[in-house]
Amino acid sequence: MKKKWGFWIVGILLGCAILEAVVWFHYKDRLLVDLEPAGNTDWDYSVPLTANLQSWVHKGDLLLVNTSYAIRPEGVKKDIVVLADHDELNSGFVLLDRDMSLSRQVAERFQEMTSAAATEGVHSFLISSGYRDLDKQDELFQEKGADYALPAGHSEHNIGLSLDIGSSLTRMEQAPEGDWLEKNAWKYGFILRYPKDKVDITGIQYEPWHFRYVGLPHSAIMYKKNLVLEQYLQLLREKKEMSFSLNNHDYNIRYYPIASEANIYVPRQGSYVISGDNMQGIIVTASN
């Protein structure tokens, strides 16, 4: 009789474990279930963009900056602030350098993200690097060499959209902070810029600490499709238009290669964001 009860208990425990695993994987999938084709396909793109189109190619949150494409002056974020000078932007994590700067927009999203992590018991974040001007980048390149740094203008740190995030507990690849960010950073517009399995595409070794802000819905699409920025921009060039629903918002993304487009239009209603790719095109992201 005791043996039968033992088998029943083992069976119940095993069943609970399987059910828990199924629920967990279901929940994990539901994190992205809202990323579906948008219900609203009637986007009224009827307002022409009258600004200098060439200038738009080289500014925005989706710029590709690497060894082949350098940042232009207009691409540097205009809202760069020294984080230590703004108490509302530097709580909940450690700054390794009191002179560290970053885009205010990115700093606000980062603080929102770390606050969410803290509610799950993950709270030992630090920032080791943020925005660098060209002089600082050149100094770093001269000091460290090409194996460690990129030439001035070719580093994402020269935009103001990227930051190196660490943990005060241990190395980032082993820290709960690193694990949490890999799974959740996309919800706040961030991507792990140089993942382990994309070295042949990015040309940069795995950097579990380097995160880049691209904004929603782009971070969600890249996360779901396992794309790095190079691949995502290529996808936009091929598709020309994509529509998704995320968190009860409809998004429409349109790519315009300026060499072949006489006019670029933005929506008459709703909000939109414009970004260049730093190569040959402009991306209009509309939402409602």
Protein backbone atom coordinates (compact mmCIF):
# COMPACT_ATOMS: atom_id res chain seq x y z
CA MET A 1 0.00 0.00 0.00
CA LYS A 2 2.82 2.36 0.84
CA LYS A 3 4.43 1.63 -2.51
CA LYS A 4 1.19 2.50 -4.32
CA TRP A 5 0.95 5.77 -2.43
CA GLY A 6 4.57 6.44 -3.30
CA PHE A 7 3.87 5.93 -6.99
CA TRP A 8 0.83 8.19 -6.76
CA ILE A 9 2.85 10.95 -5.09
CA VAL A 10 5.65 10.67 -7.65
CA GLY A 11 3.09 10.73 -10.45
CA ILE A 12 1.37 13.81 -9.04
CA LEU A 13 4.68 15.63 -8.57
CA LEU A 14 5.78 14.71 -12.07
CA GLY A 15 2.45 15.87 -13.47
CA CYS A 16 2.75 19.19 -11.63
CA ALA A 17 6.28 19.68 -12.95
CA ILE A 18 5.13 19.02 -16.51
CA LEU A 19 2.14 21.34 -16.09
CA GLU A 20 4.39 24.05 -14.66
CA ALA A 21 6.77 23.70 -17.61
CA VAL A 22 3.87 23.90 -20.10
CA VAL A 23 2.45 26.97 -18.37
CA TRP A 24 5.90 28.60 -18.27
CA PHE A 25 6.54 28.02 -21.96
CA HIS A 26 3.02 29.21 -22.77
CA TYR A 27 3.62 32.34 -20.74
CA LYS A 28 6.99 32.83 -22.39
CA ASP A 29 5.31 32.65 -25.82
CA ARG A 30 2.59 35.05 -24.71
CA LEU A 31 5.19 37.70 -24.04
CA LEU A 32 5.23 38.18 -27.79
CA VAL A 33 1.80 36.95 -28.78
CA ASP A 34 0.65 40.53 -29.35
CA LEU A 35 3.24 40.95 -32.10
CA GLU A 36 0.81 40.04 -34.84
CA PRO A 37 -0.29 41.56 -38.17
CA ALA A 38 -1.96 44.87 -37.41
CA GLY A 39 -5.73 45.03 -37.57
CA ASN A 40 -5.66 48.56 -38.97
CA THR A 41 -4.29 48.48 -42.51
CA ASP A 42 -5.83 51.78 -43.63
CA TRP A 43 -2.85 54.04 -43.05
CA ASP A 44 -3.33 57.45 -44.66
CA TYR A 45 0.19 58.38 -45.79
CA SER A 46 -0.69 61.62 -47.54
CA VAL A 47 1.53 64.30 -45.99
CA PRO A 48 4.80 64.77 -47.91
CA LEU A 49 8.02 65.01 -45.92
CA THR A 50 9.46 68.32 -47.03
CA ALA A 51 12.73 68.39 -45.08
CA ASN A 52 16.08 67.62 -46.69
CA LEU A 53 15.74 63.90 -47.24
CA GLN A 54 19.48 63.28 -47.32
CA SER A 55 19.83 64.71 -43.81
CA TRP A 56 17.20 62.25 -42.51
CA VAL A 57 19.26 59.29 -43.72
CA HIS A 58 21.91 60.01 -41.10
CA LYS A 59 19.88 60.65 -37.94
CA GLY A 60 17.43 58.68 -35.82
CA ASP A 61 17.25 55.65 -33.52
CA LEU A 62 17.86 53.01 -36.22
CA LEU A 63 21.23 54.19 -37.53
CA LEU A 64 23.72 51.50 -38.42
CA VAL A 65 27.11 52.53 -37.06
CA ASN A 66 30.00 50.11 -37.54
CA THR A 67 33.35 49.81 -39.28
CA SER A 68 31.71 50.54 -42.65
CA TYR A 69 29.33 53.34 -41.67
CA ALA A 70 30.40 56.27 -39.51
CA ILE A 71 28.14 58.54 -37.53
CA ARG A 72 27.55 61.98 -39.04
CA PRO A 73 27.29 65.10 -36.84
CA GLU A 74 23.51 65.22 -37.33
CA GLY A 75 23.27 61.63 -36.07
CA VAL A 76 24.46 62.39 -32.54
CA LYS A 77 21.49 62.67 -30.19
CA LYS A 78 20.69 66.25 -29.29
CA ASP A 79 19.50 65.44 -25.76
CA ILE A 80 22.83 64.24 -24.32
CA VAL A 81 22.99 64.87 -20.56
CA VAL A 82 25.46 64.12 -17.77
CA LEU A 83 23.61 61.53 -15.72
CA ALA A 84 25.13 62.50 -12.37
CA ASP A 85 23.66 65.99 -12.78
CA HIS A 86 20.11 64.63 -12.89
CA ASP A 87 18.92 62.78 -9.80
CA GLU A 88 15.80 61.63 -11.63
CA LEU A 89 17.98 59.78 -14.14
CA ASN A 90 20.55 58.01 -11.97
CA SER A 91 18.75 56.15 -9.22
CA GLY A 92 18.58 52.37 -8.94
CA PHE A 93 21.99 51.66 -10.45
CA VAL A 94 25.65 52.56 -10.05
CA LEU A 95 27.56 55.00 -12.27
CA LEU A 96 31.22 54.04 -12.59
CA ASP A 97 32.04 57.48 -13.96
CA ARG A 98 30.43 60.65 -12.61
CA ASP A 99 31.02 62.35 -15.97
CA MET A 100 29.09 59.70 -17.88
CA SER A 101 26.67 61.03 -20.49
CA LEU A 102 23.75 59.54 -22.38
CA SER A 103 20.69 60.56 -24.36
CA ARG A 104 18.02 61.66 -21.88
CA GLN A 105 15.47 59.59 -23.80
CA VAL A 106 17.62 56.48 -23.44
CA ALA A 107 18.36 57.20 -19.78
CA GLU A 108 14.64 57.45 -19.04
CA ARG A 109 13.94 54.13 -20.76
CA PHE A 110 16.89 52.51 -18.97
CA GLN A 111 15.63 53.68 -15.59
CA GLU A 112 12.16 52.38 -16.41
CA MET A 113 13.72 49.03 -17.33
CA THR A 114 15.85 48.67 -14.20
CA SER A 115 12.88 49.64 -12.02
CA ALA A 116 10.90 46.80 -13.59
CA ALA A 117 13.80 44.40 -12.98
CA ALA A 118 13.98 45.46 -9.33
CA THR A 119 10.38 44.33 -8.80
CA GLU A 120 11.60 40.85 -9.77
CA GLY A 121 14.55 40.95 -7.37
CA VAL A 122 17.16 41.93 -10.00
CA HIS A 123 18.70 45.21 -8.91
CA SER A 124 22.51 45.18 -9.02
CA PHE A 125 22.95 47.13 -12.26
CA LEU A 126 25.76 49.49 -13.11
CA ILE A 127 26.68 51.54 -16.17
CA SER A 128 30.33 51.42 -17.16
CA SER A 129 30.13 53.41 -20.40
CA GLY A 130 27.66 55.65 -22.19
CA TYR A 131 28.07 58.40 -24.78
CA ARG A 132 31.57 59.26 -25.97
CA ASP A 133 32.41 62.22 -28.18
CA LEU A 134 34.82 61.72 -31.06
CA ASP A 135 37.83 62.98 -29.10
CA LYS A 136 37.23 60.46 -26.30
CA GLN A 137 36.68 57.70 -28.84
CA ASP A 138 39.92 58.54 -30.63
CA GLU A 139 41.78 58.62 -27.32
CA LEU A 140 40.40 55.18 -26.46
CA PHE A 141 41.28 53.83 -29.89
CA GLN A 142 44.84 55.14 -29.70
CA GLU A 143 45.27 53.73 -26.21
CA LYS A 144 43.62 50.31 -26.63
CA GLY A 145 44.03 49.60 -30.34
CA ALA A 146 41.70 47.99 -32.88
CA ASP A 147 41.31 44.77 -30.88
CA TYR A 148 39.50 46.63 -28.13
CA ALA A 149 38.05 49.82 -29.63
CA LEU A 150 36.67 51.21 -32.89
CA PRO A 151 37.93 54.34 -34.65
CA ALA A 152 36.26 57.64 -33.83
CA GLY A 153 32.86 57.90 -35.48
CA HIS A 154 32.49 54.15 -35.97
CA SER A 155 31.44 53.24 -32.42
CA GLU A 156 27.80 53.12 -31.32
CA HIS A 157 28.89 54.97 -28.20
CA ASN A 158 29.37 58.04 -30.41
CA ILE A 159 25.60 58.28 -31.02
CA GLY A 160 24.27 58.46 -27.46
CA LEU A 161 21.97 55.46 -27.91
CA SER A 162 24.24 52.73 -26.52
CA LEU A 163 25.50 51.90 -23.08
CA ASP A 164 27.59 49.21 -21.43
CA ILE A 165 25.64 47.65 -18.58
CA GLY A 166 27.25 45.59 -15.86
CA SER A 167 26.42 43.88 -12.58
CA SER A 168 27.96 44.61 -9.21
CA LEU A 169 27.63 40.89 -8.41
CA THR A 170 29.67 39.14 -11.08
CA ARG A 171 30.49 39.10 -14.77
CA MET A 172 27.55 40.02 -16.95
CA GLU A 173 27.34 36.67 -18.75
CA GLN A 174 26.89 34.98 -15.35
CA ALA A 175 24.88 37.66 -13.56
CA PRO A 176 21.10 37.67 -13.04
CA GLU A 177 21.17 41.19 -14.48
CA GLY A 178 22.55 39.91 -17.78
CA ASP A 179 20.05 37.07 -17.92
CA TRP A 180 17.13 39.39 -17.16
CA LEU A 181 18.18 41.89 -19.83
CA GLU A 182 18.56 39.25 -22.52
CA LYS A 183 14.96 38.18 -21.91
CA ASN A 184 13.31 41.52 -21.18
CA ALA A 185 15.27 44.45 -22.63
CA TRP A 186 13.23 44.35 -25.86
CA LYS A 187 10.11 45.41 -23.92
CA TYR A 188 11.73 48.77 -23.27
CA GLY A 189 13.15 49.36 -26.74
CA PHE A 190 16.62 47.90 -26.16
CA ILE A 191 18.49 45.15 -28.00
CA LEU A 192 21.56 43.13 -27.13
CA ARG A 193 23.65 44.57 -29.93
CA TYR A 194 26.43 41.96 -30.22
CA PRO A 195 25.03 38.50 -29.39
CA LYS A 196 27.08 35.34 -29.29
CA ASP A 197 25.58 33.73 -32.41
CA LYS A 198 25.86 36.78 -34.70
CA VAL A 199 29.58 37.55 -34.62
CA ASP A 200 29.95 36.75 -38.32
CA ILE A 201 27.33 39.41 -39.10
CA THR A 202 28.20 42.19 -36.66
CA GLY A 203 31.95 41.69 -36.89
CA ILE A 204 32.11 42.25 -33.12
CA GLN A 205 32.80 39.58 -30.52
CA TYR A 206 30.07 38.69 -28.05
CA GLU A 207 29.46 41.58 -25.65
CA PRO A 208 26.82 40.65 -23.06
CA TRP A 209 27.09 44.15 -21.61
CA HIS A 210 26.47 46.28 -24.74
CA PHE A 211 22.83 47.30 -25.23
CA ARG A 212 21.47 49.64 -27.86
CA TYR A 213 18.22 51.57 -27.89
CA VAL A 214 16.17 51.25 -31.10
CA GLY A 215 12.65 51.74 -29.71
CA LEU A 216 9.43 49.79 -30.08
CA PRO A 217 8.22 47.97 -32.11
CA HIS A 218 11.68 47.42 -33.65
CA SER A 219 13.21 45.82 -30.55
CA ALA A 220 10.27 43.40 -30.29
CA ILE A 221 10.54 42.37 -33.95
CA MET A 222 14.29 41.83 -33.68
CA TYR A 223 13.86 39.79 -30.51
CA LYS A 224 11.13 37.57 -31.92
CA LYS A 225 12.90 36.99 -35.25
CA ASN A 226 16.37 36.72 -33.66
CA LEU A 227 17.79 39.51 -35.80
CA VAL A 228 20.62 41.92 -35.20
CA LEU A 229 20.39 45.47 -36.54
CA GLU A 230 22.18 44.63 -39.78
CA GLN A 231 19.68 41.86 -40.53
CA TYR A 232 16.67 43.93 -39.50
CA LEU A 233 17.57 46.82 -41.77
CA GLN A 234 18.07 44.35 -44.61
CA LEU A 235 14.61 42.93 -43.89
CA LEU A 236 13.10 46.42 -44.06
CA ARG A 237 14.82 47.09 -47.38
CA GLU A 238 13.38 43.87 -48.79
CA LYS A 239 9.85 44.14 -47.37
CA LYS A 240 9.43 47.91 -47.78
CA GLU A 241 6.39 47.80 -45.45
CA MET A 242 5.40 45.84 -42.33
CA SER A 243 2.48 46.23 -39.93
CA PHE A 244 2.25 44.78 -36.42
CA SER A 245 0.15 45.02 -33.30
CA LEU A 246 1.97 45.17 -29.97
CA ASN A 247 0.55 45.98 -26.54
CA ASN A 248 -2.75 47.13 -28.04
CA HIS A 249 -1.01 49.51 -30.45
CA ASP A 250 -0.91 49.16 -34.21
CA TYR A 251 2.40 49.94 -35.91
CA ASN A 252 3.16 50.45 -39.58
CA ILE A 253 6.79 50.56 -40.70
CA ARG A 254 7.74 51.82 -44.14
CA TYR A 255 11.18 51.88 -45.70
CA TYR A 256 11.97 54.44 -48.40
CA PRO A 257 15.18 54.15 -50.44
CA ILE A 258 15.76 57.81 -51.18
CA ALA A 259 17.57 57.08 -54.44
CA SER A 260 14.36 55.78 -56.02
CA GLU A 261 11.63 57.73 -54.22
CA ALA A 262 10.57 61.13 -55.48
CA ASN A 263 8.41 61.77 -52.42
CA ILE A 264 8.23 60.39 -48.90
CA TYR A 265 4.95 60.63 -47.05
CA VAL A 266 4.01 60.52 -43.38
CA PRO A 267 0.58 59.70 -41.91
CA ARG A 268 -2.05 62.40 -41.67
CA GLN A 269 -3.31 60.98 -38.36
CA GLY A 270 -1.65 59.25 -35.45
CA SER A 271 1.95 59.63 -34.34
CA TYR A 272 5.08 58.70 -36.24
CA VAL A 273 8.85 58.56 -35.84
CA ILE A 274 11.38 59.04 -38.64
CA SER A 275 14.83 57.48 -38.70
CA GLY A 276 17.46 56.96 -41.31
CA ASP A 277 19.51 53.80 -41.61
CA ASN A 278 22.80 55.72 -42.08
CA MET A 279 23.14 54.09 -45.48
CA GLN A 280 20.58 54.84 -48.17
CA GLY A 281 17.10 54.88 -46.72
CA ILE A 282 14.54 56.40 -44.38
CA ILE A 283 12.21 54.46 -42.06
CA VAL A 284 8.84 55.91 -41.08
CA THR A 285 7.25 54.17 -38.08
CA ALA A 286 3.61 55.13 -37.52
CA SER A 287 1.45 54.13 -34.57
CA ASN A 288 -2.08 54.61 -33.31
